[in-house]
Amino acid sequence: MEFEEFQSWSRTTAVYPKDEAIEYTYMGLVSEVGELGGIFKRIIRDETYPDRETLIKEIGDVLWYLTRLTDECSVSLEEVAEANRVKLEDRRSRNVIKGEGDER
């Protein structure tokens, strides 16, 4: 499935207050990333590795909320992916991909 198709499809499953859409989708994204973090925390603590399907489901939840957030901000996933690729390619070409700060 392509980004544009997924973004369009995600609109059909978006059920939340439209007047608080950005806040809602942002909080959902943070919450889902936290759940994913919990899975990886248990990997470190218990050396218990989740099955592939569990990872796909949890990462999929993160993707859905990220998709909805971008859509609610009138930005396409394609734009986000391309801008990130350009930024990281630039950093790599200047050998500053490691380190801190947005403007490196």
N, C-alpha and C. Protein backbone atom coordinates (compact mmCIF):
# COMPACT_ATOMS: atom_id res chain seq x y z
N MET A 1 0.84 -1.17 0.00
CA MET A 1 0.00 0.00 0.00
C MET A 1 0.89 1.24 0.00
N GLU A 2 0.55 2.20 -0.82
CA GLU A 2 1.31 3.45 -0.91
C GLU A 2 0.86 4.42 0.19
N PHE A 3 1.76 5.36 0.52
CA PHE A 3 1.45 6.35 1.56
C PHE A 3 0.13 7.08 1.28
N GLU A 4 -0.03 7.57 0.07
CA GLU A 4 -1.23 8.35 -0.26
C GLU A 4 -2.50 7.52 -0.08
N GLU A 5 -2.44 6.27 -0.50
CA GLU A 5 -3.59 5.37 -0.35
C GLU A 5 -3.89 5.12 1.13
N PHE A 6 -2.85 4.89 1.93
CA PHE A 6 -3.05 4.66 3.36
C PHE A 6 -3.61 5.89 4.04
N GLN A 7 -3.09 7.06 3.67
CA GLN A 7 -3.58 8.30 4.28
C GLN A 7 -5.05 8.51 3.95
N SER A 8 -5.42 8.27 2.71
CA SER A 8 -6.81 8.42 2.31
C SER A 8 -7.70 7.40 3.04
N TRP A 9 -7.26 6.16 3.09
CA TRP A 9 -8.03 5.11 3.77
C TRP A 9 -8.19 5.43 5.25
N SER A 10 -7.14 5.98 5.88
CA SER A 10 -7.20 6.23 7.32
C SER A 10 -8.34 7.18 7.69
N ARG A 11 -8.73 8.03 6.76
CA ARG A 11 -9.85 8.96 7.02
C ARG A 11 -11.14 8.20 7.29
N THR A 12 -11.28 7.02 6.70
CA THR A 12 -12.51 6.24 6.87
C THR A 12 -12.62 5.61 8.25
N THR A 13 -11.51 5.58 8.99
CA THR A 13 -11.52 4.96 10.32
C THR A 13 -11.27 5.98 11.42
N ALA A 14 -11.26 7.26 11.08
CA ALA A 14 -10.99 8.32 12.05
C ALA A 14 -12.28 8.70 12.78
N VAL A 15 -12.32 8.35 14.06
CA VAL A 15 -13.49 8.67 14.88
C VAL A 15 -12.99 9.41 16.12
N TYR A 16 -13.06 10.73 16.06
CA TYR A 16 -12.65 11.57 17.18
C TYR A 16 -13.21 12.97 16.94
N PRO A 17 -13.23 13.79 17.98
CA PRO A 17 -13.78 15.15 17.84
C PRO A 17 -12.97 15.97 16.85
N LYS A 18 -13.59 16.44 15.80
CA LYS A 18 -12.88 17.20 14.76
C LYS A 18 -12.32 18.52 15.27
N ASP A 19 -12.97 19.11 16.27
CA ASP A 19 -12.47 20.39 16.79
C ASP A 19 -11.22 20.22 17.66
N GLU A 20 -10.88 18.98 17.98
CA GLU A 20 -9.66 18.69 18.75
C GLU A 20 -8.83 17.61 18.05
N ALA A 21 -8.93 17.56 16.74
CA ALA A 21 -8.31 16.48 15.97
C ALA A 21 -6.79 16.44 16.11
N ILE A 22 -6.14 17.58 16.04
CA ILE A 22 -4.68 17.59 16.14
C ILE A 22 -4.24 17.14 17.53
N GLU A 23 -4.87 17.68 18.55
CA GLU A 23 -4.52 17.29 19.91
C GLU A 23 -4.78 15.81 20.15
N TYR A 24 -5.93 15.34 19.68
CA TYR A 24 -6.31 13.95 19.87
C TYR A 24 -5.33 13.01 19.18
N THR A 25 -5.01 13.30 17.92
CA THR A 25 -4.13 12.40 17.18
C THR A 25 -2.70 12.46 17.74
N TYR A 26 -2.27 13.63 18.18
CA TYR A 26 -0.94 13.74 18.80
C TYR A 26 -0.88 12.90 20.07
N MET A 27 -1.89 13.02 20.93
CA MET A 27 -1.90 12.24 22.17
C MET A 27 -2.00 10.75 21.88
N GLY A 28 -2.75 10.37 20.86
CA GLY A 28 -2.83 8.97 20.47
C GLY A 28 -1.48 8.46 20.00
N LEU A 29 -0.76 9.27 19.22
CA LEU A 29 0.56 8.89 18.73
C LEU A 29 1.52 8.67 19.90
N VAL A 30 1.55 9.61 20.82
CA VAL A 30 2.43 9.50 21.98
C VAL A 30 2.08 8.24 22.78
N SER A 31 0.81 7.99 22.97
CA SER A 31 0.36 6.82 23.72
C SER A 31 0.81 5.52 23.04
N GLU A 32 0.65 5.44 21.73
CA GLU A 32 1.03 4.23 21.01
C GLU A 32 2.54 4.03 21.00
N VAL A 33 3.29 5.12 20.89
CA VAL A 33 4.76 5.01 20.96
C VAL A 33 5.15 4.50 22.34
N GLY A 34 4.43 4.95 23.37
CA GLY A 34 4.68 4.46 24.73
C GLY A 34 4.43 2.96 24.84
N GLU A 35 3.35 2.48 24.23
CA GLU A 35 3.08 1.04 24.25
C GLU A 35 4.20 0.27 23.56
N LEU A 36 4.67 0.78 22.44
CA LEU A 36 5.77 0.15 21.73
C LEU A 36 7.03 0.17 22.59
N GLY A 37 7.25 1.29 23.27
CA GLY A 37 8.39 1.38 24.19
C GLY A 37 8.33 0.33 25.29
N GLY A 38 7.12 0.06 25.78
CA GLY A 38 6.95 -0.96 26.81
C GLY A 38 7.34 -2.35 26.31
N ILE A 39 7.03 -2.62 25.06
CA ILE A 39 7.42 -3.91 24.47
C ILE A 39 8.94 -4.04 24.47
N PHE A 40 9.61 -2.97 24.02
CA PHE A 40 11.07 -3.02 23.96
C PHE A 40 11.70 -3.01 25.34
N LYS A 41 11.06 -2.36 26.30
CA LYS A 41 11.55 -2.40 27.68
C LYS A 41 11.53 -3.83 28.21
N ARG A 42 10.44 -4.56 27.92
CA ARG A 42 10.35 -5.95 28.36
C ARG A 42 11.38 -6.83 27.67
N ILE A 43 11.72 -6.49 26.43
CA ILE A 43 12.78 -7.24 25.75
C ILE A 43 14.08 -7.10 26.55
N ILE A 44 14.40 -5.89 26.96
CA ILE A 44 15.64 -5.65 27.71
C ILE A 44 15.56 -6.31 29.09
N ARG A 45 14.46 -6.10 29.78
CA ARG A 45 14.34 -6.59 31.16
C ARG A 45 14.22 -8.11 31.23
N ASP A 46 13.32 -8.67 30.41
CA ASP A 46 12.99 -10.09 30.53
C ASP A 46 13.59 -10.96 29.43
N GLU A 47 14.22 -10.31 28.46
CA GLU A 47 14.70 -11.03 27.28
C GLU A 47 13.56 -11.83 26.64
N THR A 48 12.38 -11.23 26.67
CA THR A 48 11.19 -11.82 26.07
C THR A 48 10.90 -11.09 24.78
N TYR A 49 11.05 -11.77 23.68
CA TYR A 49 10.86 -11.14 22.38
C TYR A 49 9.45 -11.38 21.87
N PRO A 50 8.76 -10.31 21.47
CA PRO A 50 7.39 -10.49 20.95
C PRO A 50 7.43 -11.16 19.58
N ASP A 51 6.32 -11.77 19.23
CA ASP A 51 6.25 -12.35 17.90
C ASP A 51 6.10 -11.24 16.87
N ARG A 52 6.39 -11.56 15.66
CA ARG A 52 6.37 -10.60 14.54
C ARG A 52 5.00 -9.93 14.41
N GLU A 53 3.93 -10.67 14.57
CA GLU A 53 2.58 -10.12 14.43
C GLU A 53 2.30 -9.05 15.49
N THR A 54 2.76 -9.27 16.71
CA THR A 54 2.57 -8.26 17.76
C THR A 54 3.30 -6.98 17.40
N LEU A 55 4.53 -7.09 16.92
CA LEU A 55 5.28 -5.90 16.51
C LEU A 55 4.59 -5.18 15.37
N ILE A 56 4.13 -5.93 14.39
CA ILE A 56 3.44 -5.32 13.24
C ILE A 56 2.20 -4.58 13.70
N LYS A 57 1.43 -5.16 14.59
CA LYS A 57 0.21 -4.50 15.09
C LYS A 57 0.53 -3.22 15.84
N GLU A 58 1.51 -3.26 16.72
CA GLU A 58 1.85 -2.08 17.51
C GLU A 58 2.47 -0.98 16.65
N ILE A 59 3.38 -1.35 15.76
CA ILE A 59 3.96 -0.36 14.86
C ILE A 59 2.88 0.19 13.93
N GLY A 60 1.93 -0.64 13.55
CA GLY A 60 0.80 -0.19 12.74
C GLY A 60 -0.04 0.85 13.44
N ASP A 61 -0.24 0.68 14.75
CA ASP A 61 -0.99 1.69 15.52
C ASP A 61 -0.25 3.02 15.52
N VAL A 62 1.08 2.97 15.66
CA VAL A 62 1.89 4.19 15.60
C VAL A 62 1.73 4.84 14.22
N LEU A 63 1.81 4.03 13.18
CA LEU A 63 1.67 4.54 11.82
C LEU A 63 0.30 5.18 11.60
N TRP A 64 -0.76 4.56 12.11
CA TRP A 64 -2.11 5.11 11.93
C TRP A 64 -2.20 6.49 12.56
N TYR A 65 -1.75 6.62 13.82
CA TYR A 65 -1.84 7.92 14.48
C TYR A 65 -0.94 8.95 13.81
N LEU A 66 0.25 8.56 13.38
CA LEU A 66 1.11 9.48 12.65
C LEU A 66 0.45 9.93 11.35
N THR A 67 -0.17 9.00 10.67
CA THR A 67 -0.89 9.31 9.44
C THR A 67 -2.03 10.28 9.69
N ARG A 68 -2.80 10.03 10.72
CA ARG A 68 -3.91 10.92 11.03
C ARG A 68 -3.41 12.30 11.43
N LEU A 69 -2.33 12.35 12.22
CA LEU A 69 -1.77 13.64 12.63
C LEU A 69 -1.32 14.44 11.41
N THR A 70 -0.61 13.80 10.50
CA THR A 70 -0.16 14.52 9.31
C THR A 70 -1.35 14.99 8.50
N ASP A 71 -2.35 14.15 8.36
CA ASP A 71 -3.53 14.51 7.59
C ASP A 71 -4.26 15.69 8.23
N GLU A 72 -4.40 15.66 9.53
CA GLU A 72 -5.08 16.75 10.24
C GLU A 72 -4.28 18.05 10.14
N CYS A 73 -2.97 17.95 9.93
CA CYS A 73 -2.12 19.14 9.75
C CYS A 73 -1.99 19.52 8.28
N SER A 74 -2.78 18.88 7.42
CA SER A 74 -2.77 19.13 5.97
C SER A 74 -1.39 18.91 5.34
N VAL A 75 -0.75 17.86 5.79
CA VAL A 75 0.55 17.46 5.26
C VAL A 75 0.44 16.00 4.83
N SER A 76 1.05 15.66 3.73
CA SER A 76 1.00 14.26 3.29
C SER A 76 2.18 13.48 3.87
N LEU A 77 1.97 12.20 4.07
CA LEU A 77 3.06 11.34 4.50
C LEU A 77 4.19 11.35 3.49
N GLU A 78 3.83 11.44 2.23
CA GLU A 78 4.83 11.52 1.16
C GLU A 78 5.74 12.73 1.37
N GLU A 79 5.15 13.90 1.68
CA GLU A 79 5.93 15.11 1.94
C GLU A 79 6.86 14.93 3.13
N VAL A 80 6.34 14.33 4.19
CA VAL A 80 7.13 14.11 5.40
C VAL A 80 8.29 13.18 5.10
N ALA A 81 8.01 12.07 4.42
CA ALA A 81 9.07 11.10 4.11
C ALA A 81 10.14 11.73 3.21
N GLU A 82 9.72 12.46 2.20
CA GLU A 82 10.68 13.07 1.29
C GLU A 82 11.52 14.14 1.98
N ALA A 83 10.90 14.99 2.79
CA ALA A 83 11.64 16.03 3.51
C ALA A 83 12.64 15.40 4.47
N ASN A 84 12.26 14.31 5.12
CA ASN A 84 13.16 13.63 6.04
C ASN A 84 14.33 12.99 5.29
N ARG A 85 14.05 12.41 4.12
CA ARG A 85 15.10 11.81 3.31
C ARG A 85 16.10 12.87 2.89
N VAL A 86 15.61 14.01 2.41
CA VAL A 86 16.49 15.09 1.97
C VAL A 86 17.35 15.59 3.13
N LYS A 87 16.73 15.79 4.29
CA LYS A 87 17.45 16.27 5.47
C LYS A 87 18.57 15.29 5.86
N LEU A 88 18.24 14.01 5.92
CA LEU A 88 19.23 13.02 6.35
C LEU A 88 20.32 12.80 5.29
N GLU A 89 19.95 12.88 4.02
CA GLU A 89 20.96 12.78 2.96
C GLU A 89 21.94 13.94 3.06
N ASP A 90 21.42 15.13 3.34
CA ASP A 90 22.28 16.31 3.50
C ASP A 90 23.23 16.12 4.67
N ARG A 91 22.70 15.66 5.80
CA ARG A 91 23.54 15.44 6.97
C ARG A 91 24.60 14.38 6.69
N ARG A 92 24.20 13.31 6.01
CA ARG A 92 25.15 12.25 5.69
C ARG A 92 26.25 12.78 4.78
N SER A 93 25.87 13.57 3.78
CA SER A 93 26.87 14.10 2.84
C SER A 93 27.87 15.03 3.53
N ARG A 94 27.43 15.68 4.61
CA ARG A 94 28.31 16.57 5.37
C ARG A 94 28.94 15.88 6.57
N ASN A 95 28.67 14.57 6.69
CA ASN A 95 29.21 13.74 7.78
C ASN A 95 28.80 14.26 9.16
N VAL A 96 27.54 14.71 9.28
CA VAL A 96 27.02 15.18 10.57
C VAL A 96 25.74 14.44 10.94
N ILE A 97 25.61 13.22 10.46
CA ILE A 97 24.39 12.48 10.75
C ILE A 97 24.31 12.10 12.23
N LYS A 98 25.46 11.98 12.89
CA LYS A 98 25.49 11.75 14.34
C LYS A 98 25.50 13.11 15.03
N GLY A 99 25.13 13.10 16.29
CA GLY A 99 25.18 14.33 17.06
C GLY A 99 23.81 14.83 17.44
N GLU A 100 23.76 16.02 17.96
CA GLU A 100 22.50 16.58 18.45
C GLU A 100 22.18 17.88 17.75
N GLY A 101 20.91 18.24 17.81
CA GLY A 101 20.46 19.52 17.28
C GLY A 101 19.86 19.38 15.89
N ASP A 102 18.83 20.16 15.67
CA ASP A 102 18.13 20.12 14.39
C ASP A 102 18.93 20.76 13.26
N GLU A 103 19.71 21.78 13.59
CA GLU A 103 20.43 22.55 12.57
C GLU A 103 21.90 22.15 12.51
N ARG A 104 22.14 20.90 12.20
CA ARG A 104 23.54 20.47 12.10
C ARG A 104 23.90 20.12 10.68
